């Protein structure tokens, strides 16, 4: 799930931290739609990409647990539960 989708579903996070960058390995493969011939080989590859790591914390109120979400390259990679949330008096 992308960051934008998470924020749309959960609301704005109470904190956002940029933790740095990590290098991720990606592989891809595709078959050509053209007939199998020497001049139209299958396309496969492998590459490395540096992506930004972001951590967001969401507070869902005093009756629910807060969540810490980790994104790599804008894609959700992990969710950790924290203690119970709290009432945020600064929200409008």
PDB file of N, CA and C in Angstrom:
ATOM      1  N   UNK A   1       0.850  -1.164   0.000  1.00  0.00           N
ATOM      2  CA  UNK A   1       0.000   0.000   0.000  1.00  0.00           C
ATOM      3  C   UNK A   1       0.908   1.243   0.000  1.00  0.00           C
ATOM      4  N   UNK A   2       0.519   2.256  -0.730  1.00  0.00           N
ATOM      5  CA  UNK A   2       1.291   3.492  -0.814  1.00  0.00           C
ATOM      6  C   UNK A   2       0.968   4.431   0.351  1.00  0.00           C
ATOM      7  N   UNK A   3       1.904   5.335   0.642  1.00  0.00           N
ATOM      8  CA  UNK A   3       1.720   6.318   1.727  1.00  0.00           C
ATOM      9  C   UNK A   3       0.420   7.092   1.569  1.00  0.00           C
ATOM     10  N   UNK A   4       0.119   7.511   0.369  1.00  0.00           N
ATOM     11  CA  UNK A   4      -1.075   8.319   0.108  1.00  0.00           C
ATOM     12  C   UNK A   4      -2.341   7.543   0.471  1.00  0.00           C
ATOM     13  N   UNK A   5      -2.373   6.252   0.140  1.00  0.00           N
ATOM     14  CA  UNK A   5      -3.536   5.429   0.465  1.00  0.00           C
ATOM     15  C   UNK A   5      -3.699   5.264   1.969  1.00  0.00           C
ATOM     16  N   UNK A   6      -2.583   5.071   2.678  1.00  0.00           N
ATOM     17  CA  UNK A   6      -2.630   4.913   4.133  1.00  0.00           C
ATOM     18  C   UNK A   6      -3.153   6.184   4.788  1.00  0.00           C
ATOM     19  N   UNK A   7      -2.662   7.331   4.372  1.00  0.00           N
ATOM     20  CA  UNK A   7      -3.107   8.606   4.948  1.00  0.00           C
ATOM     21  C   UNK A   7      -4.578   8.845   4.638  1.00  0.00           C
ATOM     22  N   UNK A   8      -5.022   8.466   3.447  1.00  0.00           N
ATOM     23  CA  UNK A   8      -6.434   8.620   3.103  1.00  0.00           C
ATOM     24  C   UNK A   8      -7.313   7.760   4.014  1.00  0.00           C
ATOM     25  N   UNK A   9      -6.856   6.553   4.349  1.00  0.00           N
ATOM     26  CA  UNK A   9      -7.635   5.655   5.203  1.00  0.00           C
ATOM     27  C   UNK A   9      -7.526   5.979   6.690  1.00  0.00           C
ATOM     28  N   UNK A  10      -6.329   6.368   7.155  1.00  0.00           N
ATOM     29  CA  UNK A  10      -6.071   6.524   8.592  1.00  0.00           C
ATOM     30  C   UNK A  10      -6.058   7.966   9.074  1.00  0.00           C
ATOM     31  N   UNK A  11      -6.028   8.928   8.182  1.00  0.00           N
ATOM     32  CA  UNK A  11      -5.899  10.321   8.583  1.00  0.00           C
ATOM     33  C   UNK A  11      -4.429  10.717   8.649  1.00  0.00           C
ATOM     34  N   UNK A  12      -4.186  11.933   9.068  1.00  0.00           N
ATOM     35  CA  UNK A  12      -2.821  12.441   9.147  1.00  0.00           C
ATOM     36  C   UNK A  12      -2.081  11.799  10.328  1.00  0.00           C
ATOM     37  N   UNK A  13      -0.808  11.450  10.133  1.00  0.00           N
ATOM     38  CA  UNK A  13      -0.031  10.889  11.242  1.00  0.00           C
ATOM     39  C   UNK A  13       0.307  11.953  12.268  1.00  0.00           C
ATOM     40  N   UNK A  14       0.564  11.520  13.523  1.00  0.00           N
ATOM     41  CA  UNK A  14       0.953  12.482  14.556  1.00  0.00           C
ATOM     42  C   UNK A  14       2.433  12.803  14.472  1.00  0.00           C
ATOM     43  N   UNK A  15       3.221  11.924  13.838  1.00  0.00           N
ATOM     44  CA  UNK A  15       4.638  12.228  13.616  1.00  0.00           C
ATOM     45  C   UNK A  15       5.123  11.525  12.360  1.00  0.00           C
ATOM     46  N   UNK A  16       6.077  12.168  11.705  1.00  0.00           N
ATOM     47  CA  UNK A  16       6.722  11.622  10.516  1.00  0.00           C
ATOM     48  C   UNK A  16       8.220  11.807  10.693  1.00  0.00           C
ATOM     49  N   UNK A  17       8.968  10.718  10.543  1.00  0.00           N
ATOM     50  CA  UNK A  17      10.439  10.783  10.650  1.00  0.00           C
ATOM     51  C   UNK A  17      11.045  10.207   9.382  1.00  0.00           C
ATOM     52  N   UNK A  18      12.020  10.907   8.841  1.00  0.00           N
ATOM     53  CA  UNK A  18      12.769  10.403   7.696  1.00  0.00           C
ATOM     54  C   UNK A  18      14.017   9.735   8.260  1.00  0.00           C
ATOM     55  N   UNK A  19      14.132   8.427   8.060  1.00  0.00           N
ATOM     56  CA  UNK A  19      15.186   7.643   8.689  1.00  0.00           C
ATOM     57  C   UNK A  19      16.421   7.478   7.813  1.00  0.00           C
ATOM     58  N   UNK A  20      16.369   7.912   6.590  1.00  0.00           N
ATOM     59  CA  UNK A  20      17.522   7.769   5.697  1.00  0.00           C
ATOM     60  C   UNK A  20      17.135   7.007   4.447  1.00  0.00           C
ATOM     61  N   UNK A  21      18.099   6.252   3.929  1.00  0.00           N
ATOM     62  CA  UNK A  21      17.904   5.531   2.680  1.00  0.00           C
ATOM     63  C   UNK A  21      18.397   4.097   2.820  1.00  0.00           C
ATOM     64  N   UNK A  22      17.811   3.196   2.048  1.00  0.00           N
ATOM     65  CA  UNK A  22      18.272   1.812   1.946  1.00  0.00           C
ATOM     66  C   UNK A  22      18.366   1.461   0.466  1.00  0.00           C
ATOM     67  N   UNK A  23      19.197   0.481   0.163  1.00  0.00           N
ATOM     68  CA  UNK A  23      19.320   0.000  -1.205  1.00  0.00           C
ATOM     69  C   UNK A  23      18.501  -1.277  -1.318  1.00  0.00           C
ATOM     70  N   UNK A  24      17.593  -1.301  -2.272  1.00  0.00           N
ATOM     71  CA  UNK A  24      16.730  -2.450  -2.500  1.00  0.00           C
ATOM     72  C   UNK A  24      17.060  -3.075  -3.847  1.00  0.00           C
ATOM     73  N   UNK A  25      16.936  -4.372  -3.903  1.00  0.00           N
ATOM     74  CA  UNK A  25      17.178  -5.127  -5.118  1.00  0.00           C
ATOM     75  C   UNK A  25      15.838  -5.456  -5.767  1.00  0.00           C
ATOM     76  N   UNK A  26      15.740  -5.241  -7.064  1.00  0.00           N
ATOM     77  CA  UNK A  26      14.518  -5.521  -7.796  1.00  0.00           C
ATOM     78  C   UNK A  26      14.825  -6.413  -8.990  1.00  0.00           C
ATOM     79  N   UNK A  27      13.939  -7.330  -9.267  1.00  0.00           N
ATOM     80  CA  UNK A  27      14.042  -8.171 -10.454  1.00  0.00           C
ATOM     81  C   UNK A  27      12.763  -8.003 -11.254  1.00  0.00           C
ATOM     82  N   UNK A  28      12.892  -8.121 -12.530  1.00  0.00           N
ATOM     83  CA  UNK A  28      11.703  -8.048 -13.364  1.00  0.00           C
ATOM     84  C   UNK A  28      11.861  -9.011 -14.528  1.00  0.00           C
ATOM     85  N   UNK A  29      10.770  -9.392 -15.076  1.00  0.00           N
ATOM     86  CA  UNK A  29      10.770 -10.270 -16.241  1.00  0.00           C
ATOM     87  C   UNK A  29       9.529 -10.008 -17.048  1.00  0.00           C
ATOM     88  N   UNK A  30       9.683 -10.032 -18.323  1.00  0.00           N
ATOM     89  CA  UNK A  30       8.519  -9.850 -19.185  1.00  0.00           C
ATOM     90  C   UNK A  30       8.700 -10.702 -20.427  1.00  0.00           C
ATOM     91  N   UNK A  31       7.616 -11.177 -20.909  1.00  0.00           N
ATOM     92  CA  UNK A  31       7.650 -11.932 -22.156  1.00  0.00           C
ATOM     93  C   UNK A  31       7.129 -11.036 -23.260  1.00  0.00           C
ATOM     94  N   UNK A  32       7.810 -11.068 -24.320  1.00  0.00           N
ATOM     95  CA  UNK A  32       7.392 -10.269 -25.458  1.00  0.00           C
ATOM     96  C   UNK A  32       6.078 -10.802 -26.010  1.00  0.00           C
ATOM     97  N   UNK A  33       5.232  -9.912 -26.465  1.00  0.00           N
ATOM     98  CA  UNK A  33       3.980 -10.326 -27.081  1.00  0.00           C
ATOM     99  C   UNK A  33       4.198 -10.802 -28.512  1.00  0.00           C
ATOM    100  N   UNK A  34       5.385 -10.532 -29.012  1.00  0.00           N
ATOM    101  CA  UNK A  34       5.710 -10.953 -30.368  1.00  0.00           C
ATOM    102  C   UNK A  34       6.108 -12.424 -30.372  1.00  0.00           C
ATOM    103  N   UNK A  35       6.039 -13.086 -31.499  1.00  0.00           N
ATOM    104  CA  UNK A  35       6.447 -14.496 -31.556  1.00  0.00           C
ATOM    105  C   UNK A  35       7.890 -14.661 -31.110  1.00  0.00           C
ATOM    106  N   UNK A  36       8.174 -15.805 -30.556  1.00  0.00           N
ATOM    107  CA  UNK A  36       9.521 -16.074 -30.042  1.00  0.00           C
ATOM    108  C   UNK A  36      10.485 -16.223 -31.213  1.00  0.00           C
ATOM    109  N   UNK A  37      11.379 -15.248 -31.326  1.00  0.00           N
ATOM    110  CA  UNK A  37      12.404 -15.262 -32.370  1.00  0.00           C
ATOM    111  C   UNK A  37      13.685 -14.727 -31.766  1.00  0.00           C
ATOM    112  N   UNK A  38      14.760 -14.948 -32.427  1.00  0.00           N
ATOM    113  CA  UNK A  38      16.052 -14.483 -31.901  1.00  0.00           C
ATOM    114  C   UNK A  38      16.117 -12.968 -31.788  1.00  0.00           C
ATOM    115  N   UNK A  39      15.468 -12.280 -32.681  1.00  0.00           N
ATOM    116  CA  UNK A  39      15.533 -10.821 -32.641  1.00  0.00           C
ATOM    117  C   UNK A  39      14.546 -10.211 -31.642  1.00  0.00           C
ATOM    118  N   UNK A  40      13.697 -11.044 -30.991  1.00  0.00           N
ATOM    119  CA  UNK A  40      12.788 -10.582 -29.942  1.00  0.00           C
ATOM    120  C   UNK A  40      12.937 -11.470 -28.706  1.00  0.00           C
ATOM    121  N   UNK A  41      14.064 -11.337 -27.995  1.00  0.00           N
ATOM    122  CA  UNK A  41      14.282 -12.220 -26.838  1.00  0.00           C
ATOM    123  C   UNK A  41      13.382 -11.815 -25.654  1.00  0.00           C
ATOM    124  N   UNK A  42      13.266 -12.739 -24.716  1.00  0.00           N
ATOM    125  CA  UNK A  42      12.578 -12.416 -23.464  1.00  0.00           C
ATOM    126  C   UNK A  42      13.401 -11.374 -22.718  1.00  0.00           C
ATOM    127  N   UNK A  43      12.721 -10.491 -22.016  1.00  0.00           N
ATOM    128  CA  UNK A  43      13.423  -9.418 -21.300  1.00  0.00           C
ATOM    129  C   UNK A  43      13.378  -9.698 -19.798  1.00  0.00           C
ATOM    130  N   UNK A  44      14.534  -9.878 -19.223  1.00  0.00           N
ATOM    131  CA  UNK A  44      14.657 -10.086 -17.785  1.00  0.00           C
ATOM    132  C   UNK A  44      15.752  -9.170 -17.281  1.00  0.00           C
ATOM    133  N   UNK A  45      15.671  -8.779 -16.025  1.00  0.00           N
ATOM    134  CA  UNK A  45      16.707  -7.905 -15.501  1.00  0.00           C
ATOM    135  C   UNK A  45      16.730  -7.874 -13.995  1.00  0.00           C
ATOM    136  N   UNK A  46      17.750  -7.226 -13.505  1.00  0.00           N
ATOM    137  CA  UNK A  46      17.963  -7.095 -12.070  1.00  0.00           C
ATOM    138  C   UNK A  46      18.646  -5.745 -11.861  1.00  0.00           C
ATOM    139  N   UNK A  47      18.154  -4.975 -10.920  1.00  0.00           N
ATOM    140  CA  UNK A  47      18.800  -3.699 -10.656  1.00  0.00           C
ATOM    141  C   UNK A  47      18.661  -3.328  -9.188  1.00  0.00           C
ATOM    142  N   UNK A  48      19.483  -2.381  -8.772  1.00  0.00           N
ATOM    143  CA  UNK A  48      19.472  -1.861  -7.409  1.00  0.00           C
ATOM    144  C   UNK A  48      18.916  -0.445  -7.436  1.00  0.00           C
ATOM    145  N   UNK A  49      18.191  -0.101  -6.383  1.00  0.00           N
ATOM    146  CA  UNK A  49      17.615   1.237  -6.298  1.00  0.00           C
ATOM    147  C   UNK A  49      17.703   1.717  -4.857  1.00  0.00           C
ATOM    148  N   UNK A  50      18.122   2.954  -4.686  1.00  0.00           N
ATOM    149  CA  UNK A  50      18.161   3.565  -3.354  1.00  0.00           C
ATOM    150  C   UNK A  50      16.804   4.213  -3.096  1.00  0.00           C
ATOM    151  N   UNK A  51      16.163   3.850  -1.972  1.00  0.00           N
ATOM    152  CA  UNK A  51      14.841   4.382  -1.655  1.00  0.00           C
ATOM    153  C   UNK A  51      14.842   5.011  -0.268  1.00  0.00           C
ATOM    154  N   UNK A  52      13.999   6.021  -0.092  1.00  0.00           N
ATOM    155  CA  UNK A  52      13.890   6.722   1.186  1.00  0.00           C
ATOM    156  C   UNK A  52      13.077   5.897   2.175  1.00  0.00           C
ATOM    157  N   UNK A  53      13.506   5.902   3.439  1.00  0.00           N
ATOM    158  CA  UNK A  53      12.799   5.199   4.512  1.00  0.00           C
ATOM    159  C   UNK A  53      12.124   6.243   5.391  1.00  0.00           C
ATOM    160  N   UNK A  54      10.806   6.088   5.595  1.00  0.00           N
ATOM    161  CA  UNK A  54      10.013   7.011   6.396  1.00  0.00           C
ATOM    162  C   UNK A  54       9.232   6.219   7.433  1.00  0.00           C
ATOM    163  N   UNK A  55       9.107   6.804   8.621  1.00  0.00           N
ATOM    164  CA  UNK A  55       8.336   6.186   9.697  1.00  0.00           C
ATOM    165  C   UNK A  55       7.218   7.143  10.097  1.00  0.00           C
ATOM    166  N   UNK A  56       5.996   6.635  10.161  1.00  0.00           N
ATOM    167  CA  UNK A  56       4.847   7.446  10.561  1.00  0.00           C
ATOM    168  C   UNK A  56       4.166   6.791  11.754  1.00  0.00           C
ATOM    169  N   UNK A  57       3.699   7.624  12.690  1.00  0.00           N
ATOM    170  CA  UNK A  57       2.971   7.136  13.852  1.00  0.00           C
ATOM    171  C   UNK A  57       1.544   7.676  13.768  1.00  0.00           C
ATOM    172  N   UNK A  58       0.570   6.765  13.963  1.00  0.00           N
ATOM    173  CA  UNK A  58      -0.846   7.128  13.913  1.00  0.00           C
ATOM    174  C   UNK A  58      -1.477   6.892  15.275  1.00  0.00           C
ATOM    175  N   UNK A  59      -2.225   7.892  15.738  1.00  0.00           N
ATOM    176  CA  UNK A  59      -2.930   7.844  17.011  1.00  0.00           C
ATOM    177  C   UNK A  59      -4.417   7.697  16.713  1.00  0.00           C
ATOM    178  N   UNK A  60      -5.008   6.593  17.165  1.00  0.00           N
ATOM    179  CA  UNK A  60      -6.425   6.337  16.901  1.00  0.00           C
ATOM    180  C   UNK A  60      -7.292   6.574  18.133  1.00  0.00           C
ATOM    181  N   UNK A  61      -6.757   7.261  19.134  1.00  0.00           N
ATOM    182  CA  UNK A  61      -7.542   7.581  20.321  1.00  0.00           C
ATOM    183  C   UNK A  61      -7.243   6.672  21.492  1.00  0.00           C
ATOM    184  N   UNK A  62      -7.787   6.994  22.683  1.00  0.00           N
ATOM    185  CA  UNK A  62      -7.426   6.295  23.919  1.00  0.00           C
ATOM    186  C   UNK A  62      -7.940   4.857  24.018  1.00  0.00           C
ATOM    187  N   UNK A  63      -8.855   4.460  23.183  1.00  0.00           N
ATOM    188  CA  UNK A  63      -9.384   3.084  23.260  1.00  0.00           C
ATOM    189  C   UNK A  63      -8.756   2.138  22.240  1.00  0.00           C
ATOM    190  N   UNK A  64      -7.834   2.656  21.457  1.00  0.00           N
ATOM    191  CA  UNK A  64      -7.179   1.835  20.430  1.00  0.00           C
ATOM    192  C   UNK A  64      -5.673   2.000  20.530  1.00  0.00           C
ATOM    193  N   UNK A  65      -4.946   1.005  20.041  1.00  0.00           N
ATOM    194  CA  UNK A  65      -3.492   1.062  20.050  1.00  0.00           C
ATOM    195  C   UNK A  65      -2.990   1.957  18.927  1.00  0.00           C
ATOM    196  N   UNK A  66      -1.903   2.662  19.199  1.00  0.00           N
ATOM    197  CA  UNK A  66      -1.261   3.457  18.164  1.00  0.00           C
ATOM    198  C   UNK A  66      -0.473   2.512  17.262  1.00  0.00           C
ATOM    199  N   UNK A  67      -0.189   2.960  16.056  1.00  0.00           N
ATOM    200  CA  UNK A  67       0.553   2.151  15.096  1.00  0.00           C
ATOM    201  C   UNK A  67       1.749   2.940  14.566  1.00  0.00           C
ATOM    202  N   UNK A  68       2.863   2.239  14.411  1.00  0.00           N
ATOM    203  CA  UNK A  68       4.063   2.814  13.797  1.00  0.00           C
ATOM    204  C   UNK A  68       4.269   2.097  12.466  1.00  0.00           C
ATOM    205  N   UNK A  69       4.197   2.855  11.379  1.00  0.00           N
ATOM    206  CA  UNK A  69       4.302   2.294  10.040  1.00  0.00           C
ATOM    207  C   UNK A  69       5.620   2.704   9.411  1.00  0.00           C
ATOM    208  N   UNK A  70       6.267   1.753   8.768  1.00  0.00           N
ATOM    209  CA  UNK A  70       7.547   2.014   8.096  1.00  0.00           C
ATOM    210  C   UNK A  70       7.342   1.873   6.590  1.00  0.00           C
ATOM    211  N   UNK A  71       7.746   2.915   5.865  1.00  0.00           N
ATOM    212  CA  UNK A  71       7.630   2.943   4.412  1.00  0.00           C
ATOM    213  C   UNK A  71       9.015   2.965   3.790  1.00  0.00           C
ATOM    214  N   UNK A  72       9.185   2.221   2.730  1.00  0.00           N
ATOM    215  CA  UNK A  72      10.429   2.245   1.963  1.00  0.00           C
ATOM    216  C   UNK A  72      10.067   2.583   0.523  1.00  0.00           C
ATOM    217  N   UNK A  73      10.536   3.735   0.080  1.00  0.00           N
ATOM    218  CA  UNK A  73      10.193   4.181  -1.263  1.00  0.00           C
ATOM    219  C   UNK A  73       8.718   4.463  -1.435  1.00  0.00           C
ATOM    220  N   UNK A  74       8.047   4.868  -0.346  1.00  0.00           N
ATOM    221  CA  UNK A  74       6.630   5.192  -0.400  1.00  0.00           C
ATOM    222  C   UNK A  74       5.705   3.985  -0.292  1.00  0.00           C
ATOM    223  N   UNK A  75       6.277   2.785  -0.117  1.00  0.00           N
ATOM    224  CA  UNK A  75       5.506   1.550  -0.017  1.00  0.00           C
ATOM    225  C   UNK A  75       5.559   1.039   1.422  1.00  0.00           C
ATOM    226  N   UNK A  76       4.413   0.678   1.979  1.00  0.00           N
ATOM    227  CA  UNK A  76       4.335   0.170   3.344  1.00  0.00           C
ATOM    228  C   UNK A  76       5.082  -1.153   3.459  1.00  0.00           C
ATOM    229  N   UNK A  77       6.035  -1.221   4.412  1.00  0.00           N
ATOM    230  CA  UNK A  77       6.832  -2.435   4.605  1.00  0.00           C
ATOM    231  C   UNK A  77       6.579  -3.115   5.939  1.00  0.00           C
ATOM    232  N   UNK A  78       6.223  -2.355   6.985  1.00  0.00           N
ATOM    233  CA  UNK A  78       5.967  -2.993   8.273  1.00  0.00           C
ATOM    234  C   UNK A  78       5.039  -2.127   9.123  1.00  0.00           C
ATOM    235  N   UNK A  79       4.334  -2.810  10.048  1.00  0.00           N
ATOM    236  CA  UNK A  79       3.442  -2.138  10.997  1.00  0.00           C
ATOM    237  C   UNK A  79       3.751  -2.696  12.375  1.00  0.00           C
ATOM    238  N   UNK A  80       3.974  -1.800  13.340  1.00  0.00           N
ATOM    239  CA  UNK A  80       4.191  -2.199  14.729  1.00  0.00           C
ATOM    240  C   UNK A  80       3.135  -1.541  15.592  1.00  0.00           C
ATOM    241  N   UNK A  81       2.627  -2.289  16.572  1.00  0.00           N
ATOM    242  CA  UNK A  81       1.687  -1.685  17.510  1.00  0.00           C
ATOM    243  C   UNK A  81       2.461  -1.058  18.656  1.00  0.00           C
ATOM    244  N   UNK A  82       1.902  -0.007  19.203  1.00  0.00           N
ATOM    245  CA  UNK A  82       2.506   0.710  20.322  1.00  0.00           C
ATOM    246  C   UNK A  82       1.477   0.699  21.458  1.00  0.00           C
ATOM    247  N   UNK A  83       1.651   1.549  22.425  1.00  0.00           N
ATOM    248  CA  UNK A  83       0.695   1.658  23.533  1.00  0.00           C
ATOM    249  C   UNK A  83      -0.602   2.292  23.075  1.00  0.00           C
ATOM    250  N   UNK A  84      -1.514   2.411  24.029  1.00  0.00           N
ATOM    251  CA  UNK A  84      -2.792   3.032  23.716  1.00  0.00           C
ATOM    252  C   UNK A  84      -2.597   4.486  23.331  1.00  0.00           C
ATOM    253  N   UNK A  85      -3.477   4.957  22.465  1.00  0.00           N
ATOM    254  CA  UNK A  85      -3.420   6.330  22.012  1.00  0.00           C
ATOM    255  C   UNK A  85      -3.915   7.285  23.081  1.00  0.00           C
ATOM    256  N   UNK A  86      -4.089   8.505  22.717  1.00  0.00           N
ATOM    257  CA  UNK A  86      -4.494   9.545  23.634  1.00  0.00           C
ATOM    258  C   UNK A  86      -5.408  10.526  22.927  1.00  0.00           C
ATOM    259  N   UNK A  87      -6.073  11.360  23.670  1.00  0.00           N
ATOM    260  CA  UNK A  87      -6.931  12.388  23.094  1.00  0.00           C
ATOM    261  C   UNK A  87      -6.042  13.562  22.723  1.00  0.00           C
ATOM    262  N   UNK A  88      -6.114  13.955  21.456  1.00  0.00           N
ATOM    263  CA  UNK A  88      -5.287  15.053  20.960  1.00  0.00           C
ATOM    264  C   UNK A  88      -6.120  16.336  21.017  1.00  0.00           C
ATOM    265  N   UNK A  89      -5.830  17.199  21.987  1.00  0.00           N
ATOM    266  CA  UNK A  89      -6.578  18.447  22.164  1.00  0.00           C
ATOM    267  C   UNK A  89      -6.253  19.483  21.082  1.00  0.00           C
ATOM    268  N   UNK A  90      -5.191  19.252  20.323  1.00  0.00           N
ATOM    269  CA  UNK A  90      -4.777  20.237  19.320  1.00  0.00           C
ATOM    270  C   UNK A  90      -5.463  20.038  17.986  1.00  0.00           C
ATOM    271  N   UNK A  91      -6.203  18.941  17.809  1.00  0.00           N
ATOM    272  CA  UNK A  91      -6.929  18.732  16.572  1.00  0.00           C
ATOM    273  C   UNK A  91      -8.160  19.628  16.521  1.00  0.00           C
ATOM    274  N   UNK A  92      -8.480  20.050  15.332  1.00  0.00           N
ATOM    275  CA  UNK A  92      -9.669  20.903  15.168  1.00  0.00           C
ATOM    276  C   UNK A  92     -10.897  20.077  14.992  1.00  0.00           C
TER     277      UNK A  92
END
